[in-house]
Amino acid sequence: MTVNLSDTSTWLPLDGLAPGFDASKAEVTGDLDGRTFTLVDDRGTRIAHTFSAGAVAWDYRPGASDPTAAAAQTDACEVFRVDDDLYYAQFHHDYLPNEAVSLILDLRSGYALAVLSVLGEKTSEHVAVQHLFGVSRIEELEQHGDAPAPTSELIGRRVLWVYSSEHAYEHVYLSPHWYTWQCLAGPEQGLADTDENTVWRVRPGIYVFTWREKVIPCGSVTIADHRDQRALRSHGVLFGEGDGAAATPTHFTFGAHGRLLSNTVHPAEFDPSRALER
């Protein structure tokens, strides 16, 4: 039977990826258990995070120019060690199920990057999942070096990512706004699309890469170590609409091993990274 790959109505919902997709997920770590990290941004907003086994208790106190209401809660949380003194924490708000938080804590630099994933309605102006980025200093630590910042350093790379023995995708990083994915193995084999992306540099060779899909109402936040081109490693989350109108949003973490397949170098006058300067 011939499959119409262009018929997006037949594409799997986000839940359809979950079985086995997390086979390469790293072990969670208890390195942060019992520790508190208070994030302070340039608005004066303070968010204290206290970690324990499988959970994080957070207390949000907005600054003078922050319209967000004060709040506090304890959520289930997974913490992964990315590199020496570099951790990725992932949690899904219980009281606001349409929000999930990806928190990057660099205990060496003293800076943190938080990515808030918000699930809403797709419109003509934006896709269903939006990502909000916030850089903070960690109050309990001294700050050294550069804070996380948007980057164009991935543009031109073509990377193979293997999520399990059955799931494999390639990514082509096109510009500060777009990337192309193609499923090479797994339930989406043969499918491909070009979607929105945003990339932040956390450390030399380590990037937070996020994407937001337009066909399936979902988005992803990953932190990827590109320092060894033959042995890339990433950790991340997929978050989006569950199967059915009344379903709870789908939220699950995963990991992948990768390698650089090729790298395109554009002539200076046609360099896509110049879009970041506009």
C-alpha atoms as a PDB file:
ATOM      1  CA  MET A   1       0.000   0.000   0.000  1.00  0.00           C
ATOM      2  CA  THR A   2       1.299   3.448  -0.943  1.00  0.00           C
ATOM      3  CA  VAL A   3       1.498   5.848   1.987  1.00  0.00           C
ATOM      4  CA  ASN A   4       0.776   9.510   1.367  1.00  0.00           C
ATOM      5  CA  LEU A   5       3.514  11.151   3.426  1.00  0.00           C
ATOM      6  CA  SER A   6       2.081  14.591   2.647  1.00  0.00           C
ATOM      7  CA  ASP A   7      -1.207  13.833   4.390  1.00  0.00           C
ATOM      8  CA  THR A   8      -0.469  15.408   7.766  1.00  0.00           C
ATOM      9  CA  SER A   9      -3.819  14.228   9.165  1.00  0.00           C
ATOM     10  CA  THR A  10      -2.330  10.733   9.410  1.00  0.00           C
ATOM     11  CA  TRP A  11       0.783  11.807  11.351  1.00  0.00           C
ATOM     12  CA  LEU A  12       1.104  10.292  14.804  1.00  0.00           C
ATOM     13  CA  PRO A  13       0.136  12.343  17.857  1.00  0.00           C
ATOM     14  CA  LEU A  14       2.932  13.085  20.301  1.00  0.00           C
ATOM     15  CA  ASP A  15       1.878  10.124  22.467  1.00  0.00           C
ATOM     16  CA  GLY A  16       2.658   7.803  19.560  1.00  0.00           C
ATOM     17  CA  LEU A  17       6.389   8.494  19.850  1.00  0.00           C
ATOM     18  CA  ALA A  18       6.687   7.744  23.535  1.00  0.00           C
ATOM     19  CA  PRO A  19       6.975   3.921  23.642  1.00  0.00           C
ATOM     20  CA  GLY A  20      10.711   3.225  23.443  1.00  0.00           C
ATOM     21  CA  PHE A  21      11.654   6.753  22.415  1.00  0.00           C
ATOM     22  CA  ASP A  22      13.396   7.305  25.751  1.00  0.00           C
ATOM     23  CA  ALA A  23      15.685   4.244  25.515  1.00  0.00           C
ATOM     24  CA  SER A  24      18.821   6.432  25.397  1.00  0.00           C
ATOM     25  CA  LYS A  25      17.797   8.636  28.316  1.00  0.00           C
ATOM     26  CA  ALA A  26      20.579   9.167  30.831  1.00  0.00           C
ATOM     27  CA  GLU A  27      20.252   8.118  34.454  1.00  0.00           C
ATOM     28  CA  VAL A  28      18.864  10.843  36.692  1.00  0.00           C
ATOM     29  CA  THR A  29      21.232  12.185  39.327  1.00  0.00           C
ATOM     30  CA  GLY A  30      20.793  13.087  42.973  1.00  0.00           C
ATOM     31  CA  ASP A  31      23.731  15.505  42.937  1.00  0.00           C
ATOM     32  CA  LEU A  32      21.472  18.480  43.680  1.00  0.00           C
ATOM     33  CA  ASP A  33      19.372  16.841  46.413  1.00  0.00           C
ATOM     34  CA  GLY A  34      19.236  18.990  49.530  1.00  0.00           C
ATOM     35  CA  ARG A  35      20.559  22.091  47.764  1.00  0.00           C
ATOM     36  CA  THR A  36      18.795  25.392  47.071  1.00  0.00           C
ATOM     37  CA  PHE A  37      19.550  27.644  44.106  1.00  0.00           C
ATOM     38  CA  THR A  38      17.926  31.079  43.922  1.00  0.00           C
ATOM     39  CA  LEU A  39      17.672  32.570  40.447  1.00  0.00           C
ATOM     40  CA  VAL A  40      17.652  36.367  40.233  1.00  0.00           C
ATOM     41  CA  ASP A  41      17.030  38.112  36.906  1.00  0.00           C
ATOM     42  CA  ASP A  42      17.429  41.713  35.764  1.00  0.00           C
ATOM     43  CA  ARG A  43      13.851  42.566  36.836  1.00  0.00           C
ATOM     44  CA  GLY A  44      14.637  41.590  40.395  1.00  0.00           C
ATOM     45  CA  THR A  45      12.479  38.468  40.147  1.00  0.00           C
ATOM     46  CA  ARG A  46      13.667  35.742  42.520  1.00  0.00           C
ATOM     47  CA  ILE A  47      12.898  32.035  42.138  1.00  0.00           C
ATOM     48  CA  ALA A  48      14.227  29.696  44.802  1.00  0.00           C
ATOM     49  CA  HIS A  49      14.560  26.023  43.797  1.00  0.00           C
ATOM     50  CA  THR A  50      15.128  23.405  46.493  1.00  0.00           C
ATOM     51  CA  PHE A  51      15.843  19.932  45.160  1.00  0.00           C
ATOM     52  CA  SER A  52      15.066  16.593  46.786  1.00  0.00           C
ATOM     53  CA  ALA A  53      14.803  13.035  45.501  1.00  0.00           C
ATOM     54  CA  GLY A  54      12.598  13.233  42.390  1.00  0.00           C
ATOM     55  CA  ALA A  55      11.153  16.660  43.216  1.00  0.00           C
ATOM     56  CA  VAL A  56      11.796  20.400  43.279  1.00  0.00           C
ATOM     57  CA  ALA A  57      10.123  22.908  45.595  1.00  0.00           C
ATOM     58  CA  TRP A  58      10.083  26.346  43.977  1.00  0.00           C
ATOM     59  CA  ASP A  59       9.071  29.775  45.267  1.00  0.00           C
ATOM     60  CA  TYR A  60       8.469  32.544  42.702  1.00  0.00           C
ATOM     61  CA  ARG A  61       8.708  36.144  43.912  1.00  0.00           C
ATOM     62  CA  PRO A  62       8.237  38.685  41.077  1.00  0.00           C
ATOM     63  CA  GLY A  63      10.328  41.833  40.817  1.00  0.00           C
ATOM     64  CA  ALA A  64       8.849  45.327  40.520  1.00  0.00           C
ATOM     65  CA  SER A  65       8.514  45.139  36.711  1.00  0.00           C
ATOM     66  CA  ASP A  66       7.389  41.485  36.559  1.00  0.00           C
ATOM     67  CA  PRO A  67       3.584  41.131  36.139  1.00  0.00           C
ATOM     68  CA  THR A  68       3.618  37.424  37.032  1.00  0.00           C
ATOM     69  CA  ALA A  69       1.842  36.584  40.291  1.00  0.00           C
ATOM     70  CA  ALA A  70       3.813  35.137  43.197  1.00  0.00           C
ATOM     71  CA  ALA A  71       3.499  31.362  43.498  1.00  0.00           C
ATOM     72  CA  ALA A  72       5.060  28.367  45.213  1.00  0.00           C
ATOM     73  CA  GLN A  73       4.704  24.632  44.689  1.00  0.00           C
ATOM     74  CA  THR A  74       6.519  21.305  44.682  1.00  0.00           C
ATOM     75  CA  ASP A  75       6.639  19.431  41.361  1.00  0.00           C
ATOM     76  CA  ALA A  76       8.031  16.079  40.302  1.00  0.00           C
ATOM     77  CA  CYS A  77      11.439  16.708  38.731  1.00  0.00           C
ATOM     78  CA  GLU A  78      14.177  14.862  36.872  1.00  0.00           C
ATOM     79  CA  VAL A  79      17.775  16.107  37.040  1.00  0.00           C
ATOM     80  CA  PHE A  80      20.495  15.086  34.574  1.00  0.00           C
ATOM     81  CA  ARG A  81      24.219  15.758  34.754  1.00  0.00           C
ATOM     82  CA  VAL A  82      25.365  17.216  31.415  1.00  0.00           C
ATOM     83  CA  ASP A  83      28.996  18.013  32.251  1.00  0.00           C
ATOM     84  CA  ASP A  84      31.123  18.855  35.287  1.00  0.00           C
ATOM     85  CA  ASP A  85      29.045  21.291  37.393  1.00  0.00           C
ATOM     86  CA  LEU A  86      26.419  21.559  34.643  1.00  0.00           C
ATOM     87  CA  TYR A  87      22.915  20.208  35.265  1.00  0.00           C
ATOM     88  CA  TYR A  88      19.600  20.047  33.426  1.00  0.00           C
ATOM     89  CA  ALA A  89      16.398  19.872  35.499  1.00  0.00           C
ATOM     90  CA  GLN A  90      13.001  19.189  33.943  1.00  0.00           C
ATOM     91  CA  PHE A  91       9.611  19.583  35.602  1.00  0.00           C
ATOM     92  CA  HIS A  92       5.953  19.948  34.612  1.00  0.00           C
ATOM     93  CA  HIS A  93       3.771  22.311  36.651  1.00  0.00           C
ATOM     94  CA  ASP A  94       0.974  20.477  38.419  1.00  0.00           C
ATOM     95  CA  TYR A  95      -1.131  23.601  39.011  1.00  0.00           C
ATOM     96  CA  LEU A  96      -0.614  24.866  35.438  1.00  0.00           C
ATOM     97  CA  PRO A  97      -0.469  21.701  33.291  1.00  0.00           C
ATOM     98  CA  ASN A  98      -0.025  23.751  30.103  1.00  0.00           C
ATOM     99  CA  GLU A  99       3.428  24.863  31.347  1.00  0.00           C
ATOM    100  CA  ALA A 100       6.696  22.969  31.709  1.00  0.00           C
ATOM    101  CA  VAL A 101      10.101  24.218  32.839  1.00  0.00           C
ATOM    102  CA  SER A 102      13.551  23.289  31.561  1.00  0.00           C
ATOM    103  CA  LEU A 103      16.237  24.618  33.893  1.00  0.00           C
ATOM    104  CA  ILE A 104      19.945  24.696  33.061  1.00  0.00           C
ATOM    105  CA  LEU A 105      22.162  25.301  36.101  1.00  0.00           C
ATOM    106  CA  ASP A 106      25.826  26.040  35.465  1.00  0.00           C
ATOM    107  CA  LEU A 107      27.464  25.836  38.889  1.00  0.00           C
ATOM    108  CA  ARG A 108      30.828  26.770  37.397  1.00  0.00           C
ATOM    109  CA  SER A 109      29.765  30.067  35.814  1.00  0.00           C
ATOM    110  CA  GLY A 110      27.069  30.876  38.371  1.00  0.00           C
ATOM    111  CA  TYR A 111      24.439  31.469  35.674  1.00  0.00           C
ATOM    112  CA  ALA A 112      21.169  29.707  34.875  1.00  0.00           C
ATOM    113  CA  LEU A 113      19.013  29.516  31.778  1.00  0.00           C
ATOM    114  CA  ALA A 114      15.311  28.742  32.204  1.00  0.00           C
ATOM    115  CA  VAL A 115      13.073  27.793  29.283  1.00  0.00           C
ATOM    116  CA  LEU A 116       9.328  27.939  29.910  1.00  0.00           C
ATOM    117  CA  SER A 117       7.298  25.822  27.469  1.00  0.00           C
ATOM    118  CA  VAL A 118       3.704  27.053  27.160  1.00  0.00           C
ATOM    119  CA  LEU A 119       1.038  25.027  25.352  1.00  0.00           C
ATOM    120  CA  GLY A 120      -1.736  27.118  23.814  1.00  0.00           C
ATOM    121  CA  GLU A 121      -3.743  27.304  20.633  1.00  0.00           C
ATOM    122  CA  LYS A 122      -2.150  27.384  17.202  1.00  0.00           C
ATOM    123  CA  THR A 123      -2.921  30.593  15.307  1.00  0.00           C
ATOM    124  CA  SER A 124      -1.948  32.138  11.977  1.00  0.00           C
ATOM    125  CA  GLU A 125       0.826  33.988  13.829  1.00  0.00           C
ATOM    126  CA  HIS A 126       2.376  31.254  15.972  1.00  0.00           C
ATOM    127  CA  VAL A 127       2.496  27.502  16.577  1.00  0.00           C
ATOM    128  CA  ALA A 128       0.840  25.825  19.573  1.00  0.00           C
ATOM    129  CA  VAL A 129       3.879  25.623  21.850  1.00  0.00           C
ATOM    130  CA  GLN A 130       5.851  28.764  22.628  1.00  0.00           C
ATOM    131  CA  HIS A 131       9.204  28.973  24.408  1.00  0.00           C
ATOM    132  CA  LEU A 132      10.161  31.804  26.757  1.00  0.00           C
ATOM    133  CA  PHE A 133      13.837  32.167  27.717  1.00  0.00           C
ATOM    134  CA  GLY A 134      15.224  33.745  30.844  1.00  0.00           C
ATOM    135  CA  VAL A 135      18.811  34.182  32.032  1.00  0.00           C
ATOM    136  CA  SER A 136      19.501  34.605  35.738  1.00  0.00           C
ATOM    137  CA  ARG A 137      22.413  34.674  38.094  1.00  0.00           C
ATOM    138  CA  ILE A 138      22.482  32.035  40.812  1.00  0.00           C
ATOM    139  CA  GLU A 139      22.474  33.990  44.063  1.00  0.00           C
ATOM    140  CA  GLU A 140      24.329  31.344  46.070  1.00  0.00           C
ATOM    141  CA  LEU A 141      27.284  31.357  43.640  1.00  0.00           C
ATOM    142  CA  GLU A 142      29.762  33.849  42.215  1.00  0.00           C
ATOM    143  CA  GLN A 143      29.473  34.637  38.502  1.00  0.00           C
ATOM    144  CA  HIS A 144      32.360  33.908  36.132  1.00  0.00           C
ATOM    145  CA  GLY A 145      32.691  34.194  32.359  1.00  0.00           C
ATOM    146  CA  ASP A 146      29.826  34.542  29.922  1.00  0.00           C
ATOM    147  CA  ALA A 147      26.133  34.083  30.612  1.00  0.00           C
ATOM    148  CA  PRO A 148      24.079  31.883  28.223  1.00  0.00           C
ATOM    149  CA  ALA A 149      23.214  33.729  25.013  1.00  0.00           C
ATOM    150  CA  PRO A 150      21.554  33.086  21.622  1.00  0.00           C
ATOM    151  CA  THR A 151      23.969  31.729  19.042  1.00  0.00           C
ATOM    152  CA  SER A 152      24.223  30.861  15.353  1.00  0.00           C
ATOM    153  CA  GLU A 153      27.047  28.335  15.865  1.00  0.00           C
ATOM    154  CA  LEU A 154      24.957  25.294  14.826  1.00  0.00           C
ATOM    155  CA  ILE A 155      23.955  26.741  11.444  1.00  0.00           C
ATOM    156  CA  GLY A 156      25.156  24.582   8.549  1.00  0.00           C
ATOM    157  CA  ARG A 157      25.528  21.370  10.537  1.00  0.00           C
ATOM    158  CA  ARG A 158      23.760  18.139   9.580  1.00  0.00           C
ATOM    159  CA  VAL A 159      23.526  15.770  12.540  1.00  0.00           C
ATOM    160  CA  LEU A 160      22.289  12.213  13.019  1.00  0.00           C
ATOM    161  CA  TRP A 161      20.477  11.641  16.323  1.00  0.00           C
ATOM    162  CA  VAL A 162      19.693   8.097  17.533  1.00  0.00           C
ATOM    163  CA  TYR A 163      17.118   7.910  20.326  1.00  0.00           C
ATOM    164  CA  SER A 164      16.776   4.114  20.523  1.00  0.00           C
ATOM    165  CA  SER A 165      17.423   1.004  18.450  1.00  0.00           C
ATOM    166  CA  GLU A 166      14.258   1.905  16.531  1.00  0.00           C
ATOM    167  CA  HIS A 167      14.201   5.730  16.472  1.00  0.00           C
ATOM    168  CA  ALA A 168      16.625   7.836  14.428  1.00  0.00           C
ATOM    169  CA  TYR A 169      16.356  11.347  12.978  1.00  0.00           C
ATOM    170  CA  GLU A 170      18.600  13.779  11.186  1.00  0.00           C
ATOM    171  CA  HIS A 171      18.627  17.510  11.830  1.00  0.00           C
ATOM    172  CA  VAL A 172      19.805  20.198   9.440  1.00  0.00           C
ATOM    173  CA  TYR A 173      20.284  23.545  11.158  1.00  0.00           C
ATOM    174  CA  LEU A 174      19.345  26.127   8.542  1.00  0.00           C
ATOM    175  CA  SER A 175      19.137  29.547  10.181  1.00  0.00           C
ATOM    176  CA  PRO A 176      18.472  31.272  13.515  1.00  0.00           C
ATOM    177  CA  HIS A 177      14.765  30.566  12.973  1.00  0.00           C
ATOM    178  CA  TRP A 178      14.503  27.303  10.998  1.00  0.00           C
ATOM    179  CA  TYR A 179      15.753  23.729  11.027  1.00  0.00           C
ATOM    180  CA  THR A 180      14.746  20.649   9.027  1.00  0.00           C
ATOM    181  CA  TRP A 181      14.196  17.190  10.516  1.00  0.00           C
ATOM    182  CA  GLN A 182      13.789  13.847   8.769  1.00  0.00           C
ATOM    183  CA  CYS A 183      12.864  10.551  10.411  1.00  0.00           C
ATOM    184  CA  LEU A 184      15.268   7.834   9.260  1.00  0.00           C
ATOM    185  CA  ALA A 185      13.898   5.030  11.447  1.00  0.00           C
ATOM    186  CA  GLY A 186      10.870   4.600  13.675  1.00  0.00           C
ATOM    187  CA  PRO A 187       7.109   5.107  13.458  1.00  0.00           C
ATOM    188  CA  GLU A 188       7.588   8.419  11.602  1.00  0.00           C
ATOM    189  CA  GLN A 189      10.025   6.968   9.044  1.00  0.00           C
ATOM    190  CA  GLY A 190       9.847   8.936   5.810  1.00  0.00           C
ATOM    191  CA  LEU A 191       8.314  12.013   7.382  1.00  0.00           C
ATOM    192  CA  ALA A 192      10.146  15.335   7.312  1.00  0.00           C
ATOM    193  CA  ASP A 193       9.407  18.984   7.912  1.00  0.00           C
ATOM    194  CA  THR A 194      10.966  22.369   8.518  1.00  0.00           C
ATOM    195  CA  ASP A 195      10.068  23.925  11.864  1.00  0.00           C
ATOM    196  CA  GLU A 196      10.989  26.821  14.127  1.00  0.00           C
ATOM    197  CA  ASN A 197      14.065  26.549  16.301  1.00  0.00           C
ATOM    198  CA  THR A 198      16.001  28.648  18.805  1.00  0.00           C
ATOM    199  CA  VAL A 199      19.566  27.925  19.947  1.00  0.00           C
ATOM    200  CA  TRP A 200      21.446  29.206  23.014  1.00  0.00           C
ATOM    201  CA  ARG A 201      25.109  28.667  23.837  1.00  0.00           C
ATOM    202  CA  VAL A 202      25.652  27.524  27.420  1.00  0.00           C
ATOM    203  CA  ARG A 203      29.355  26.586  27.283  1.00  0.00           C
ATOM    204  CA  PRO A 204      31.799  26.172  24.407  1.00  0.00           C
ATOM    205  CA  GLY A 205      30.378  23.294  22.361  1.00  0.00           C
ATOM    206  CA  ILE A 206      27.290  22.834  24.579  1.00  0.00           C
ATOM    207  CA  TYR A 207      23.985  24.251  23.342  1.00  0.00           C
ATOM    208  CA  VAL A 208      20.349  24.458  24.340  1.00  0.00           C
ATOM    209  CA  PHE A 209      18.439  23.614  21.163  1.00  0.00           C
ATOM    210  CA  THR A 210      14.666  24.074  21.111  1.00  0.00           C
ATOM    211  CA  TRP A 211      12.112  23.434  18.412  1.00  0.00           C
ATOM    212  CA  ARG A 212       8.396  24.085  17.906  1.00  0.00           C
ATOM    213  CA  GLU A 213       6.416  21.953  15.456  1.00  0.00           C
ATOM    214  CA  LYS A 214       3.568  23.273  13.331  1.00  0.00           C
ATOM    215  CA  VAL A 215       1.885  19.983  12.334  1.00  0.00           C
ATOM    216  CA  ILE A 216       1.872  18.231  15.698  1.00  0.00           C
ATOM    217  CA  PRO A 217       1.143  20.728  18.538  1.00  0.00           C
ATOM    218  CA  CYS A 218       4.335  20.120  20.471  1.00  0.00           C
ATOM    219  CA  GLY A 219       7.739  21.555  21.247  1.00  0.00           C
ATOM    220  CA  SER A 220      11.038  20.312  22.590  1.00  0.00           C
ATOM    221  CA  VAL A 221      13.879  21.634  24.721  1.00  0.00           C
ATOM    222  CA  THR A 222      17.218  19.826  24.571  1.00  0.00           C
ATOM    223  CA  ILE A 223      20.721  20.429  25.827  1.00  0.00           C
ATOM    224  CA  ALA A 224      23.283  18.972  23.447  1.00  0.00           C
ATOM    225  CA  ASP A 225      27.017  18.410  23.828  1.00  0.00           C
ATOM    226  CA  HIS A 226      28.672  18.872  20.412  1.00  0.00           C
ATOM    227  CA  ARG A 227      32.289  18.888  21.577  1.00  0.00           C
ATOM    228  CA  ASP A 228      33.103  15.458  20.133  1.00  0.00           C
ATOM    229  CA  GLN A 229      31.717  15.404  16.590  1.00  0.00           C
ATOM    230  CA  ARG A 230      31.691  11.587  16.526  1.00  0.00           C
ATOM    231  CA  ALA A 231      30.020  11.190  19.911  1.00  0.00           C
ATOM    232  CA  LEU A 232      27.398  13.868  20.445  1.00  0.00           C
ATOM    233  CA  ARG A 233      25.064  13.553  23.432  1.00  0.00           C
ATOM    234  CA  SER A 234      21.754  15.228  24.169  1.00  0.00           C
ATOM    235  CA  HIS A 235      19.119  15.259  26.908  1.00  0.00           C
ATOM    236  CA  GLY A 236      15.682  16.752  26.496  1.00  0.00           C
ATOM    237  CA  VAL A 237      11.919  16.838  26.787  1.00  0.00           C
ATOM    238  CA  LEU A 238       8.944  16.691  24.448  1.00  0.00           C
ATOM    239  CA  PHE A 239       5.883  18.623  25.562  1.00  0.00           C
ATOM    240  CA  GLY A 240       2.601  19.152  23.789  1.00  0.00           C
ATOM    241  CA  GLU A 241      -1.000  18.260  23.228  1.00  0.00           C
ATOM    242  CA  GLY A 242      -2.151  14.857  24.429  1.00  0.00           C
ATOM    243  CA  ASP A 243      -4.263  12.487  22.356  1.00  0.00           C
ATOM    244  CA  GLY A 244      -7.822  13.822  22.487  1.00  0.00           C
ATOM    245  CA  ALA A 245      -9.262  17.265  23.161  1.00  0.00           C
ATOM    246  CA  ALA A 246      -9.592  16.721  26.937  1.00  0.00           C
ATOM    247  CA  ALA A 247      -6.305  14.896  27.401  1.00  0.00           C
ATOM    248  CA  THR A 248      -3.631  16.053  29.839  1.00  0.00           C
ATOM    249  CA  PRO A 249      -0.637  17.505  27.974  1.00  0.00           C
ATOM    250  CA  THR A 250       2.019  14.950  27.094  1.00  0.00           C
ATOM    251  CA  HIS A 251       5.363  15.489  28.830  1.00  0.00           C
ATOM    252  CA  PHE A 252       8.276  13.048  28.696  1.00  0.00           C
ATOM    253  CA  THR A 253      12.057  13.209  28.810  1.00  0.00           C
ATOM    254  CA  PHE A 254      14.476  11.410  26.507  1.00  0.00           C
ATOM    255  CA  GLY A 255      18.096  11.255  25.424  1.00  0.00           C
ATOM    256  CA  ALA A 256      20.007  10.700  22.210  1.00  0.00           C
ATOM    257  CA  HIS A 257      23.454   9.876  20.877  1.00  0.00           C
ATOM    258  CA  GLY A 258      24.573  11.608  17.715  1.00  0.00           C
ATOM    259  CA  ARG A 259      27.296  12.345  15.225  1.00  0.00           C
ATOM    260  CA  LEU A 260      28.043  15.110  12.775  1.00  0.00           C
ATOM    261  CA  LEU A 261      27.270  13.997   9.205  1.00  0.00           C
ATOM    262  CA  SER A 262      28.379  17.136   7.367  1.00  0.00           C
ATOM    263  CA  ASN A 263      28.849  20.866   7.703  1.00  0.00           C
ATOM    264  CA  THR A 264      27.859  23.496   5.151  1.00  0.00           C
ATOM    265  CA  VAL A 265      29.885  26.697   4.990  1.00  0.00           C
ATOM    266  CA  HIS A 266      28.034  29.500   3.211  1.00  0.00           C
ATOM    267  CA  PRO A 267      29.760  32.354   1.382  1.00  0.00           C
ATOM    268  CA  ALA A 268      29.828  35.399   3.637  1.00  0.00           C
ATOM    269  CA  GLU A 269      27.314  37.343   1.549  1.00  0.00           C
ATOM    270  CA  PHE A 270      24.778  34.485   1.834  1.00  0.00           C
ATOM    271  CA  ASP A 271      25.443  33.491   5.445  1.00  0.00           C
ATOM    272  CA  PRO A 272      22.068  32.620   7.080  1.00  0.00           C
ATOM    273  CA  SER A 273      23.395  33.589  10.509  1.00  0.00           C
ATOM    274  CA  ARG A 274      23.194  37.261   9.485  1.00  0.00           C
ATOM    275  CA  ALA A 275      19.444  37.017  10.173  1.00  0.00           C
ATOM    276  CA  LEU A 276      20.309  37.024  13.880  1.00  0.00           C
ATOM    277  CA  GLU A 277      21.627  40.572  13.474  1.00  0.00           C
ATOM    278  CA  ARG A 278      18.449  41.999  11.964  1.00  0.00           C
END
